[in-house]
Amino acid sequence: MSSGNLLFLVVLVLGPLVSISSSNWVVCWVGLELSFLGAVPLLLSDSSFMSLSKESVVKYFCIQALGSGFLMLGGVLFFMDPSFHWVSDFILVLSLFMKLGVFPMHFWVPSVTVGLNWMPMFILLGWQKIPPFALLMNIVENSYWMHSILLIFGGISAVVGSIIGLNQTSFRAMLGSSSIAHTGWGCIGAVFGNLWIYFSIYCVSFGVLMLFCLTGENLMISFGVLGLSGLPPFMMFIGKWSILKSVLFSNTSFLFLILPLSGALLSLFFYLKFFYSFYLSSLSQAMNTKYSLFYSLVLFSLSGTLFILLF
């Protein structure tokens, strides 16, 4: 790694830490922008996807810059006239939806991810979502009228991400559609709790899948794809079960669970489609198939053991 990329990596890591540790919303906004500015050169650092990466990063830059502008506008409106706090809260949530890729601001995610390589995709769909989720939880805790809106749009996002994934033949675009659906579940977790448990498990599962993609062994990739689906005893099931448990233990109607559960059912179709595709492709790989099967079974067993220990 060059010295320039190391500097950008430090900025990328420090940005969310500044946002989370600050009590001033302006400093939180600055930390979010630091993370964004550190991520853009790293997304362009991959030479194998350079032609597609340029287009994807320009799209990402335009969308995130627009979201940052709306975020600053919402904060300024709140301090100019606190009596109209609902307007500023709506603008703030809209800007965070744009940064996270939540319905109806989800349109940019598949077209951006289709041009990125594996580690830049992990930065985009994993690390970059930490500051927006932290700000979203802060807004939700201080504006109770936003709960229903966030639950509705989170559920619709889970369904829309699943429908978009059903129409994808590109593996990278499918991962972007999966991120839309998982972000919808994260919005529900931001209202009822257990968001960070769900998001941490998603980052671990997604990071393991990206490592498998870097190794290029299809059998391990197939199990990594299945791990993202939320089927027991994989790790992602623990995250979804934690959110379901927090919703059922609250006094809210269980009708809010209809949309995310429907999205989880629909998403199983494209997860299984890509699982079968990579699994059947792995049968033609004669080299290291025995070791791939061994490591995949170890991953499967450890996920099930973790589920048994926690519940």
C-alpha atoms as a PDB file:
ATOM      1  CA  MET A   1       0.000   0.000   0.000  1.00  0.00           C
ATOM      2  CA  SER A   2       1.325   3.405  -0.988  1.00  0.00           C
ATOM      3  CA  SER A   3       1.774   6.232   1.502  1.00  0.00           C
ATOM      4  CA  GLY A   4      -1.112   8.150  -0.073  1.00  0.00           C
ATOM      5  CA  ASN A   5      -3.512   5.231   0.328  1.00  0.00           C
ATOM      6  CA  LEU A   6      -2.330   4.763   3.914  1.00  0.00           C
ATOM      7  CA  LEU A   7      -3.184   8.402   4.650  1.00  0.00           C
ATOM      8  CA  PHE A   8      -6.629   8.007   3.099  1.00  0.00           C
ATOM      9  CA  LEU A   9      -7.162   4.811   5.106  1.00  0.00           C
ATOM     10  CA  VAL A  10      -6.364   6.676   8.349  1.00  0.00           C
ATOM     11  CA  VAL A  11      -8.852   9.412   7.399  1.00  0.00           C
ATOM     12  CA  LEU A  12     -11.434   6.744   6.558  1.00  0.00           C
ATOM     13  CA  VAL A  13     -11.023   5.112   9.969  1.00  0.00           C
ATOM     14  CA  LEU A  14     -10.950   8.342  11.981  1.00  0.00           C
ATOM     15  CA  GLY A  15     -14.048   9.870  10.320  1.00  0.00           C
ATOM     16  CA  PRO A  16     -16.679   7.619  11.964  1.00  0.00           C
ATOM     17  CA  LEU A  17     -14.817   7.770  15.281  1.00  0.00           C
ATOM     18  CA  VAL A  18     -15.048  11.564  15.224  1.00  0.00           C
ATOM     19  CA  SER A  19     -18.766  11.409  14.384  1.00  0.00           C
ATOM     20  CA  ILE A  20     -19.634   8.922  17.109  1.00  0.00           C
ATOM     21  CA  SER A  21     -17.547  10.524  19.884  1.00  0.00           C
ATOM     22  CA  SER A  22     -18.675  14.111  19.288  1.00  0.00           C
ATOM     23  CA  SER A  23     -21.611  15.838  21.007  1.00  0.00           C
ATOM     24  CA  ASN A  24     -21.778  18.679  18.463  1.00  0.00           C
ATOM     25  CA  TRP A  25     -23.756  17.961  15.302  1.00  0.00           C
ATOM     26  CA  VAL A  26     -21.425  20.118  13.192  1.00  0.00           C
ATOM     27  CA  VAL A  27     -18.437  18.021  14.270  1.00  0.00           C
ATOM     28  CA  CYS A  28     -20.493  14.892  13.542  1.00  0.00           C
ATOM     29  CA  TRP A  29     -21.090  16.234  10.043  1.00  0.00           C
ATOM     30  CA  VAL A  30     -17.368  16.950   9.644  1.00  0.00           C
ATOM     31  CA  GLY A  31     -16.479  13.415  10.728  1.00  0.00           C
ATOM     32  CA  LEU A  32     -18.935  11.995   8.226  1.00  0.00           C
ATOM     33  CA  GLU A  33     -17.380  14.080   5.457  1.00  0.00           C
ATOM     34  CA  LEU A  34     -13.879  13.021   6.479  1.00  0.00           C
ATOM     35  CA  SER A  35     -14.892   9.395   6.118  1.00  0.00           C
ATOM     36  CA  PHE A  36     -16.448  10.155   2.728  1.00  0.00           C
ATOM     37  CA  LEU A  37     -13.386  12.005   1.425  1.00  0.00           C
ATOM     38  CA  GLY A  38     -11.082   9.231   2.644  1.00  0.00           C
ATOM     39  CA  ALA A  39     -13.187   6.566   0.939  1.00  0.00           C
ATOM     40  CA  VAL A  40     -13.304   8.113  -2.551  1.00  0.00           C
ATOM     41  CA  PRO A  41      -9.550   7.691  -3.383  1.00  0.00           C
ATOM     42  CA  LEU A  42      -9.588   4.165  -1.946  1.00  0.00           C
ATOM     43  CA  LEU A  43     -12.503   3.247  -4.189  1.00  0.00           C
ATOM     44  CA  LEU A  44     -10.429   4.416  -7.152  1.00  0.00           C
ATOM     45  CA  SER A  45      -7.271   2.592  -6.083  1.00  0.00           C
ATOM     46  CA  ASP A  46      -8.157  -0.696  -7.788  1.00  0.00           C
ATOM     47  CA  SER A  47      -6.505  -0.856 -11.204  1.00  0.00           C
ATOM     48  CA  SER A  48      -8.308  -3.994 -12.440  1.00  0.00           C
ATOM     49  CA  PHE A  49     -11.695  -2.270 -12.418  1.00  0.00           C
ATOM     50  CA  MET A  50     -10.438   1.211 -13.262  1.00  0.00           C
ATOM     51  CA  SER A  51     -12.832   1.996 -16.124  1.00  0.00           C
ATOM     52  CA  LEU A  52     -15.909   0.878 -14.191  1.00  0.00           C
ATOM     53  CA  SER A  53     -14.637   2.271 -10.894  1.00  0.00           C
ATOM     54  CA  LYS A  54     -14.413   5.790 -12.278  1.00  0.00           C
ATOM     55  CA  GLU A  55     -18.056   5.778 -13.308  1.00  0.00           C
ATOM     56  CA  SER A  56     -19.212   4.184 -10.036  1.00  0.00           C
ATOM     57  CA  VAL A  57     -17.191   6.557  -7.854  1.00  0.00           C
ATOM     58  CA  VAL A  58     -18.507   9.617  -9.726  1.00  0.00           C
ATOM     59  CA  LYS A  59     -22.073   8.410  -9.114  1.00  0.00           C
ATOM     60  CA  TYR A  60     -21.263   7.764  -5.466  1.00  0.00           C
ATOM     61  CA  PHE A  61     -19.618  11.163  -5.080  1.00  0.00           C
ATOM     62  CA  CYS A  62     -22.599  13.040  -6.568  1.00  0.00           C
ATOM     63  CA  ILE A  63     -25.165  11.217  -4.415  1.00  0.00           C
ATOM     64  CA  GLN A  64     -23.160  11.575  -1.199  1.00  0.00           C
ATOM     65  CA  ALA A  65     -22.442  15.260  -1.866  1.00  0.00           C
ATOM     66  CA  LEU A  66     -26.177  15.877  -2.340  1.00  0.00           C
ATOM     67  CA  GLY A  67     -26.920  13.988   0.867  1.00  0.00           C
ATOM     68  CA  SER A  68     -24.311  16.033   2.751  1.00  0.00           C
ATOM     69  CA  GLY A  69     -25.914  19.240   1.481  1.00  0.00           C
ATOM     70  CA  PHE A  70     -29.344  18.144   2.699  1.00  0.00           C
ATOM     71  CA  LEU A  71     -27.817  17.142   6.042  1.00  0.00           C
ATOM     72  CA  MET A  72     -26.304  20.586   6.533  1.00  0.00           C
ATOM     73  CA  LEU A  73     -29.583  22.236   5.425  1.00  0.00           C
ATOM     74  CA  GLY A  74     -31.594  20.247   7.960  1.00  0.00           C
ATOM     75  CA  GLY A  75     -29.220  21.166  10.793  1.00  0.00           C
ATOM     76  CA  VAL A  76     -29.262  24.869   9.891  1.00  0.00           C
ATOM     77  CA  LEU A  77     -33.070  24.918   9.694  1.00  0.00           C
ATOM     78  CA  PHE A  78     -33.338  23.307  13.115  1.00  0.00           C
ATOM     79  CA  PHE A  79     -31.247  26.025  14.784  1.00  0.00           C
ATOM     80  CA  MET A  80     -32.830  28.868  12.806  1.00  0.00           C
ATOM     81  CA  ASP A  81     -36.403  28.014  13.825  1.00  0.00           C
ATOM     82  CA  PRO A  82     -36.769  25.195  16.377  1.00  0.00           C
ATOM     83  CA  SER A  83     -40.589  25.508  16.282  1.00  0.00           C
ATOM     84  CA  PHE A  84     -40.562  23.797  12.861  1.00  0.00           C
ATOM     85  CA  HIS A  85     -38.383  20.945  14.043  1.00  0.00           C
ATOM     86  CA  TRP A  86     -40.458  18.415  12.089  1.00  0.00           C
ATOM     87  CA  VAL A  87     -39.293  19.999   8.812  1.00  0.00           C
ATOM     88  CA  SER A  88     -35.643  19.806   9.805  1.00  0.00           C
ATOM     89  CA  ASP A  89     -36.068  16.237  11.111  1.00  0.00           C
ATOM     90  CA  PHE A  90     -37.638  15.184   7.822  1.00  0.00           C
ATOM     91  CA  ILE A  91     -34.792  16.739   5.799  1.00  0.00           C
ATOM     92  CA  LEU A  92     -32.192  15.144   8.071  1.00  0.00           C
ATOM     93  CA  VAL A  93     -33.777  11.700   7.748  1.00  0.00           C
ATOM     94  CA  LEU A  94     -34.083  12.139   3.975  1.00  0.00           C
ATOM     95  CA  SER A  95     -30.371  12.966   3.721  1.00  0.00           C
ATOM     96  CA  LEU A  96     -29.457   9.938   5.848  1.00  0.00           C
ATOM     97  CA  PHE A  97     -31.679   7.744   3.674  1.00  0.00           C
ATOM     98  CA  MET A  98     -29.723   9.015   0.690  1.00  0.00           C
ATOM     99  CA  LYS A  99     -26.400   8.182   2.317  1.00  0.00           C
ATOM    100  CA  LEU A 100     -27.528   4.738   3.500  1.00  0.00           C
ATOM    101  CA  GLY A 101     -29.410   3.729   0.356  1.00  0.00           C
ATOM    102  CA  VAL A 102     -32.837   3.323   1.980  1.00  0.00           C
ATOM    103  CA  PHE A 103     -36.057   3.492  -0.041  1.00  0.00           C
ATOM    104  CA  PRO A 104     -36.896   5.845  -1.789  1.00  0.00           C
ATOM    105  CA  MET A 105     -33.224   6.917  -2.085  1.00  0.00           C
ATOM    106  CA  HIS A 106     -31.963   3.435  -2.940  1.00  0.00           C
ATOM    107  CA  PHE A 107     -31.569   3.825  -6.698  1.00  0.00           C
ATOM    108  CA  TRP A 108     -27.800   4.427  -6.698  1.00  0.00           C
ATOM    109  CA  VAL A 109     -26.652   1.342  -4.785  1.00  0.00           C
ATOM    110  CA  PRO A 110     -26.726  -1.451  -7.448  1.00  0.00           C
ATOM    111  CA  SER A 111     -25.305   0.776 -10.200  1.00  0.00           C
ATOM    112  CA  VAL A 112     -22.399   1.824  -7.948  1.00  0.00           C
ATOM    113  CA  THR A 113     -21.539  -1.619  -6.574  1.00  0.00           C
ATOM    114  CA  VAL A 114     -21.503  -3.215 -10.024  1.00  0.00           C
ATOM    115  CA  GLY A 115     -18.277  -1.360 -10.857  1.00  0.00           C
ATOM    116  CA  LEU A 116     -16.341  -1.943  -7.626  1.00  0.00           C
ATOM    117  CA  ASN A 117     -13.989  -4.690  -6.574  1.00  0.00           C
ATOM    118  CA  TRP A 118     -14.420  -6.647  -3.354  1.00  0.00           C
ATOM    119  CA  MET A 119     -12.591  -4.600  -0.721  1.00  0.00           C
ATOM    120  CA  PRO A 120     -13.870  -1.209  -2.003  1.00  0.00           C
ATOM    121  CA  MET A 121     -17.340  -2.756  -1.908  1.00  0.00           C
ATOM    122  CA  PHE A 122     -16.846  -3.690   1.744  1.00  0.00           C
ATOM    123  CA  ILE A 123     -15.823  -0.091   2.503  1.00  0.00           C
ATOM    124  CA  LEU A 124     -18.896   1.235   0.708  1.00  0.00           C
ATOM    125  CA  LEU A 125     -21.508  -1.169   2.090  1.00  0.00           C
ATOM    126  CA  GLY A 126     -20.012  -1.694   5.531  1.00  0.00           C
ATOM    127  CA  TRP A 127     -17.764   0.914   7.114  1.00  0.00           C
ATOM    128  CA  GLN A 128     -19.350   3.938   5.427  1.00  0.00           C
ATOM    129  CA  LYS A 129     -22.727   3.214   7.005  1.00  0.00           C
ATOM    130  CA  ILE A 130     -21.556   3.633  10.605  1.00  0.00           C
ATOM    131  CA  PRO A 131     -21.845   7.471  10.892  1.00  0.00           C
ATOM    132  CA  PRO A 132     -25.264   7.718   9.135  1.00  0.00           C
ATOM    133  CA  PHE A 133     -26.681   4.984  11.357  1.00  0.00           C
ATOM    134  CA  ALA A 134     -25.340   6.757  14.467  1.00  0.00           C
ATOM    135  CA  LEU A 135     -26.945  10.064  13.415  1.00  0.00           C
ATOM    136  CA  LEU A 136     -30.169   8.258  12.514  1.00  0.00           C
ATOM    137  CA  MET A 137     -30.395   6.723  15.984  1.00  0.00           C
ATOM    138  CA  ASN A 138     -29.839  10.157  17.528  1.00  0.00           C
ATOM    139  CA  ILE A 139     -32.691  11.645  15.497  1.00  0.00           C
ATOM    140  CA  VAL A 140     -35.020   8.751  16.307  1.00  0.00           C
ATOM    141  CA  GLU A 141     -34.345   9.026  20.041  1.00  0.00           C
ATOM    142  CA  ASN A 142     -35.316  12.727  20.048  1.00  0.00           C
ATOM    143  CA  SER A 143     -38.246  12.590  17.574  1.00  0.00           C
ATOM    144  CA  TYR A 144     -40.800   9.956  18.493  1.00  0.00           C
ATOM    145  CA  TRP A 145     -43.084  10.898  15.610  1.00  0.00           C
ATOM    146  CA  MET A 146     -40.394   9.590  13.222  1.00  0.00           C
ATOM    147  CA  HIS A 147     -40.741   6.018  14.506  1.00  0.00           C
ATOM    148  CA  SER A 148     -43.646   5.033  12.280  1.00  0.00           C
ATOM    149  CA  ILE A 149     -42.085   6.683   9.217  1.00  0.00           C
ATOM    150  CA  LEU A 150     -38.796   4.889   9.767  1.00  0.00           C
ATOM    151  CA  LEU A 151     -40.522   1.540  10.305  1.00  0.00           C
ATOM    152  CA  ILE A 152     -42.599   1.903   7.133  1.00  0.00           C
ATOM    153  CA  PHE A 153     -39.711   2.969   4.922  1.00  0.00           C
ATOM    154  CA  GLY A 154     -37.414   0.357   6.482  1.00  0.00           C
ATOM    155  CA  GLY A 155     -39.937  -2.386   5.713  1.00  0.00           C
ATOM    156  CA  ILE A 156     -40.472  -1.124   2.158  1.00  0.00           C
ATOM    157  CA  SER A 157     -36.692  -0.982   1.702  1.00  0.00           C
ATOM    158  CA  ALA A 158     -36.399  -4.638   2.736  1.00  0.00           C
ATOM    159  CA  VAL A 159     -39.028  -5.625   0.163  1.00  0.00           C
ATOM    160  CA  VAL A 160     -37.686  -3.379  -2.622  1.00  0.00           C
ATOM    161  CA  GLY A 161     -34.118  -4.618  -2.125  1.00  0.00           C
ATOM    162  CA  SER A 162     -35.360  -8.200  -2.426  1.00  0.00           C
ATOM    163  CA  ILE A 163     -37.337  -7.439  -5.601  1.00  0.00           C
ATOM    164  CA  ILE A 164     -34.330  -5.695  -7.176  1.00  0.00           C
ATOM    165  CA  GLY A 165     -32.132  -8.664  -6.270  1.00  0.00           C
ATOM    166  CA  LEU A 166     -34.508 -11.071  -8.004  1.00  0.00           C
ATOM    167  CA  ASN A 167     -33.873  -9.290 -11.314  1.00  0.00           C
ATOM    168  CA  GLN A 168     -30.068  -9.280 -11.065  1.00  0.00           C
ATOM    169  CA  THR A 169     -27.702 -11.558 -12.922  1.00  0.00           C
ATOM    170  CA  SER A 170     -24.555  -9.737 -11.759  1.00  0.00           C
ATOM    171  CA  PHE A 171     -23.140 -10.921  -8.435  1.00  0.00           C
ATOM    172  CA  ARG A 172     -21.967  -7.426  -7.498  1.00  0.00           C
ATOM    173  CA  ALA A 173     -25.359  -5.876  -8.259  1.00  0.00           C
ATOM    174  CA  MET A 174     -26.985  -8.613  -6.172  1.00  0.00           C
ATOM    175  CA  LEU A 175     -24.787  -7.676  -3.214  1.00  0.00           C
ATOM    176  CA  GLY A 176     -25.902  -4.056  -3.606  1.00  0.00           C
ATOM    177  CA  SER A 177     -29.556  -5.139  -3.627  1.00  0.00           C
ATOM    178  CA  SER A 178     -28.894  -7.272  -0.563  1.00  0.00           C
ATOM    179  CA  SER A 179     -27.409  -4.222   1.155  1.00  0.00           C
ATOM    180  CA  ILE A 180     -30.642  -2.281   0.522  1.00  0.00           C
ATOM    181  CA  ALA A 181     -32.659  -5.037   2.183  1.00  0.00           C
ATOM    182  CA  HIS A 182     -30.281  -5.324   5.153  1.00  0.00           C
ATOM    183  CA  THR A 183     -30.283  -1.545   5.620  1.00  0.00           C
ATOM    184  CA  GLY A 184     -34.084  -1.694   5.869  1.00  0.00           C
ATOM    185  CA  TRP A 185     -33.717  -4.189   8.705  1.00  0.00           C
ATOM    186  CA  GLY A 186     -31.177  -1.826  10.263  1.00  0.00           C
ATOM    187  CA  CYS A 187     -33.726   1.014  10.221  1.00  0.00           C
ATOM    188  CA  ILE A 188     -36.147  -1.185  12.162  1.00  0.00           C
ATOM    189  CA  GLY A 189     -33.353  -1.979  14.605  1.00  0.00           C
ATOM    190  CA  ALA A 190     -32.670   1.749  15.022  1.00  0.00           C
ATOM    191  CA  VAL A 191     -36.216   2.181  16.360  1.00  0.00           C
ATOM    192  CA  PHE A 192     -36.504  -0.890  18.586  1.00  0.00           C
ATOM    193  CA  GLY A 193     -32.861  -1.496  19.479  1.00  0.00           C
ATOM    194  CA  ASN A 194     -30.212  -4.094  18.595  1.00  0.00           C
ATOM    195  CA  LEU A 195     -29.129  -2.110  15.532  1.00  0.00           C
ATOM    196  CA  TRP A 196     -25.424  -2.413  16.309  1.00  0.00           C
ATOM    197  CA  ILE A 197     -25.711  -6.160  16.981  1.00  0.00           C
ATOM    198  CA  TYR A 198     -27.360  -6.633  13.592  1.00  0.00           C
ATOM    199  CA  PHE A 199     -24.964  -4.324  11.781  1.00  0.00           C
ATOM    200  CA  SER A 200     -21.883  -5.896  13.380  1.00  0.00           C
ATOM    201  CA  ILE A 201     -22.992  -9.393  12.373  1.00  0.00           C
ATOM    202  CA  TYR A 202     -23.755  -8.141   8.856  1.00  0.00           C
ATOM    203  CA  CYS A 203     -20.280  -6.582   8.562  1.00  0.00           C
ATOM    204  CA  VAL A 204     -18.630  -9.805   9.765  1.00  0.00           C
ATOM    205  CA  SER A 205     -20.652 -11.980   7.365  1.00  0.00           C
ATOM    206  CA  PHE A 206     -20.119  -9.589   4.470  1.00  0.00           C
ATOM    207  CA  GLY A 207     -16.408  -9.237   5.239  1.00  0.00           C
ATOM    208  CA  VAL A 208     -15.969 -13.018   5.301  1.00  0.00           C
ATOM    209  CA  LEU A 209     -17.729 -13.230   1.936  1.00  0.00           C
ATOM    210  CA  MET A 210     -15.427 -10.574   0.496  1.00  0.00           C
ATOM    211  CA  LEU A 211     -12.382 -12.520   1.712  1.00  0.00           C
ATOM    212  CA  PHE A 212     -13.758 -15.637   0.054  1.00  0.00           C
ATOM    213  CA  CYS A 213     -14.241 -13.660  -3.174  1.00  0.00           C
ATOM    214  CA  LEU A 214     -10.609 -12.547  -3.017  1.00  0.00           C
ATOM    215  CA  THR A 215      -9.467 -16.172  -2.733  1.00  0.00           C
ATOM    216  CA  GLY A 216     -11.594 -17.069  -5.763  1.00  0.00           C
ATOM    217  CA  GLU A 217     -12.765 -20.452  -4.452  1.00  0.00           C
ATOM    218  CA  ASN A 218     -16.375 -20.915  -5.461  1.00  0.00           C
ATOM    219  CA  LEU A 219     -17.352 -23.367  -2.752  1.00  0.00           C
ATOM    220  CA  MET A 220     -16.378 -20.951   0.015  1.00  0.00           C
ATOM    221  CA  ILE A 221     -18.141 -18.108  -1.823  1.00  0.00           C
ATOM    222  CA  SER A 222     -21.322 -20.201  -2.043  1.00  0.00           C
ATOM    223  CA  PHE A 223     -21.374 -20.731   1.728  1.00  0.00           C
ATOM    224  CA  GLY A 224     -20.634 -17.039   2.259  1.00  0.00           C
ATOM    225  CA  VAL A 225     -23.623 -16.101   0.106  1.00  0.00           C
ATOM    226  CA  LEU A 226     -25.806 -18.486   2.068  1.00  0.00           C
ATOM    227  CA  GLY A 227     -24.501 -16.915   5.284  1.00  0.00           C
ATOM    228  CA  LEU A 228     -25.888 -13.524   4.219  1.00  0.00           C
ATOM    229  CA  SER A 229     -29.377 -14.936   3.710  1.00  0.00           C
ATOM    230  CA  GLY A 230     -30.193 -15.250   7.399  1.00  0.00           C
ATOM    231  CA  LEU A 231     -30.897 -18.979   7.382  1.00  0.00           C
ATOM    232  CA  PRO A 232     -30.165 -20.772  10.651  1.00  0.00           C
ATOM    233  CA  PRO A 233     -27.620 -21.658  11.904  1.00  0.00           C
ATOM    234  CA  PHE A 234     -25.644 -19.014  10.017  1.00  0.00           C
ATOM    235  CA  MET A 235     -24.586 -15.847  11.831  1.00  0.00           C
ATOM    236  CA  MET A 236     -26.990 -13.519  10.018  1.00  0.00           C
ATOM    237  CA  PHE A 237     -29.941 -15.347  11.537  1.00  0.00           C
ATOM    238  CA  ILE A 238     -28.793 -14.174  14.969  1.00  0.00           C
ATOM    239  CA  GLY A 239     -28.978 -10.541  13.857  1.00  0.00           C
ATOM    240  CA  LYS A 240     -32.457 -10.891  12.367  1.00  0.00           C
ATOM    241  CA  TRP A 241     -33.665 -12.822  15.384  1.00  0.00           C
ATOM    242  CA  SER A 242     -32.374 -10.105  17.731  1.00  0.00           C
ATOM    243  CA  ILE A 243     -34.400  -7.457  15.868  1.00  0.00           C
ATOM    244  CA  LEU A 244     -37.482  -9.674  15.765  1.00  0.00           C
ATOM    245  CA  LYS A 245     -37.143 -10.279  19.491  1.00  0.00           C
ATOM    246  CA  SER A 246     -36.854  -6.551  20.252  1.00  0.00           C
ATOM    247  CA  VAL A 247     -39.951  -5.808  18.132  1.00  0.00           C
ATOM    248  CA  LEU A 248     -42.018  -8.540  19.779  1.00  0.00           C
ATOM    249  CA  PHE A 249     -40.983  -7.440  23.274  1.00  0.00           C
ATOM    250  CA  SER A 250     -42.110  -3.866  22.595  1.00  0.00           C
ATOM    251  CA  ASN A 251     -45.679  -2.597  22.688  1.00  0.00           C
ATOM    252  CA  THR A 252     -45.745  -1.951  18.941  1.00  0.00           C
ATOM    253  CA  SER A 253     -48.049  -3.811  16.582  1.00  0.00           C
ATOM    254  CA  PHE A 254     -46.534  -6.863  14.954  1.00  0.00           C
ATOM    255  CA  LEU A 255     -47.906  -5.644  11.602  1.00  0.00           C
ATOM    256  CA  PHE A 256     -44.660  -3.715  11.122  1.00  0.00           C
ATOM    257  CA  LEU A 257     -42.942  -7.111  10.740  1.00  0.00           C
ATOM    258  CA  ILE A 258     -44.973  -8.146   7.682  1.00  0.00           C
ATOM    259  CA  LEU A 259     -42.885  -6.171   5.181  1.00  0.00           C
ATOM    260  CA  PRO A 260     -39.379  -7.132   6.448  1.00  0.00           C
ATOM    261  CA  LEU A 261     -40.349 -10.807   6.797  1.00  0.00           C
ATOM    262  CA  SER A 262     -41.795 -10.776   3.280  1.00  0.00           C
ATOM    263  CA  GLY A 263     -38.557  -9.215   2.034  1.00  0.00           C
ATOM    264  CA  ALA A 264     -36.501 -11.876   3.823  1.00  0.00           C
ATOM    265  CA  LEU A 265     -38.590 -14.597   2.166  1.00  0.00           C
ATOM    266  CA  LEU A 266     -38.219 -13.053  -1.293  1.00  0.00           C
ATOM    267  CA  SER A 267     -34.479 -12.554  -0.854  1.00  0.00           C
ATOM    268  CA  LEU A 268     -34.003 -16.284  -0.252  1.00  0.00           C
ATOM    269  CA  PHE A 269     -34.726 -16.894  -3.936  1.00  0.00           C
ATOM    270  CA  PHE A 270     -31.749 -14.949  -5.270  1.00  0.00           C
ATOM    271  CA  TYR A 271     -29.469 -16.021  -2.415  1.00  0.00           C
ATOM    272  CA  LEU A 272     -30.167 -19.659  -3.248  1.00  0.00           C
ATOM    273  CA  LYS A 273     -29.816 -18.949  -6.974  1.00  0.00           C
ATOM    274  CA  PHE A 274     -26.280 -17.600  -6.527  1.00  0.00           C
ATOM    275  CA  PHE A 275     -25.497 -20.286  -3.953  1.00  0.00           C
ATOM    276  CA  TYR A 276     -26.349 -23.022  -6.461  1.00  0.00           C
ATOM    277  CA  SER A 277     -24.409 -21.205  -9.177  1.00  0.00           C
ATOM    278  CA  PHE A 278     -21.186 -20.966  -7.167  1.00  0.00           C
ATOM    279  CA  TYR A 279     -21.625 -24.425  -5.648  1.00  0.00           C
ATOM    280  CA  LEU A 280     -22.037 -26.106  -9.026  1.00  0.00           C
ATOM    281  CA  SER A 281     -19.090 -24.132 -10.384  1.00  0.00           C
ATOM    282  CA  SER A 282     -16.977 -25.373  -7.497  1.00  0.00           C
ATOM    283  CA  LEU A 283     -17.561 -28.979  -8.546  1.00  0.00           C
ATOM    284  CA  SER A 284     -15.466 -28.346 -11.656  1.00  0.00           C
ATOM    285  CA  GLN A 285     -12.533 -27.052  -9.588  1.00  0.00           C
ATOM    286  CA  ALA A 286     -10.308 -30.058  -8.995  1.00  0.00           C
ATOM    287  CA  MET A 287      -7.606 -28.218  -7.060  1.00  0.00           C
ATOM    288  CA  ASN A 288      -8.003 -27.552  -3.343  1.00  0.00           C
ATOM    289  CA  THR A 289     -11.645 -28.647  -3.334  1.00  0.00           C
ATOM    290  CA  LYS A 290     -11.034 -30.866  -0.327  1.00  0.00           C
ATOM    291  CA  TYR A 291      -9.606 -27.984   1.694  1.00  0.00           C
ATOM    292  CA  SER A 292     -12.332 -25.600   0.584  1.00  0.00           C
ATOM    293  CA  LEU A 293     -14.971 -28.045   1.760  1.00  0.00           C
ATOM    294  CA  PHE A 294     -13.178 -28.430   5.074  1.00  0.00           C
ATOM    295  CA  TYR A 295     -12.938 -24.689   5.729  1.00  0.00           C
ATOM    296  CA  SER A 296     -16.533 -24.106   4.660  1.00  0.00           C
ATOM    297  CA  LEU A 297     -17.793 -26.804   7.012  1.00  0.00           C
ATOM    298  CA  VAL A 298     -15.718 -25.294   9.822  1.00  0.00           C
ATOM    299  CA  LEU A 299     -17.316 -21.897   9.138  1.00  0.00           C
ATOM    300  CA  PHE A 300     -20.752 -23.494   9.120  1.00  0.00           C
ATOM    301  CA  SER A 301     -20.090 -25.309  12.401  1.00  0.00           C
ATOM    302  CA  LEU A 302     -18.706 -22.224  14.126  1.00  0.00           C
ATOM    303  CA  SER A 303     -21.755 -20.198  13.087  1.00  0.00           C
ATOM    304  CA  GLY A 304     -24.055 -22.839  14.505  1.00  0.00           C
ATOM    305  CA  THR A 305     -22.019 -23.036  17.709  1.00  0.00           C
ATOM    306  CA  LEU A 306     -22.241 -19.267  18.116  1.00  0.00           C
ATOM    307  CA  PHE A 307     -26.013 -19.440  17.690  1.00  0.00           C
ATOM    308  CA  ILE A 308     -26.301 -22.157  20.358  1.00  0.00           C
ATOM    309  CA  LEU A 309     -24.105 -20.222  22.812  1.00  0.00           C
ATOM    310  CA  LEU A 310     -25.997 -16.958  22.472  1.00  0.00           C
ATOM    311  CA  PHE A 311     -29.507 -18.427  22.562  1.00  0.00           C
END
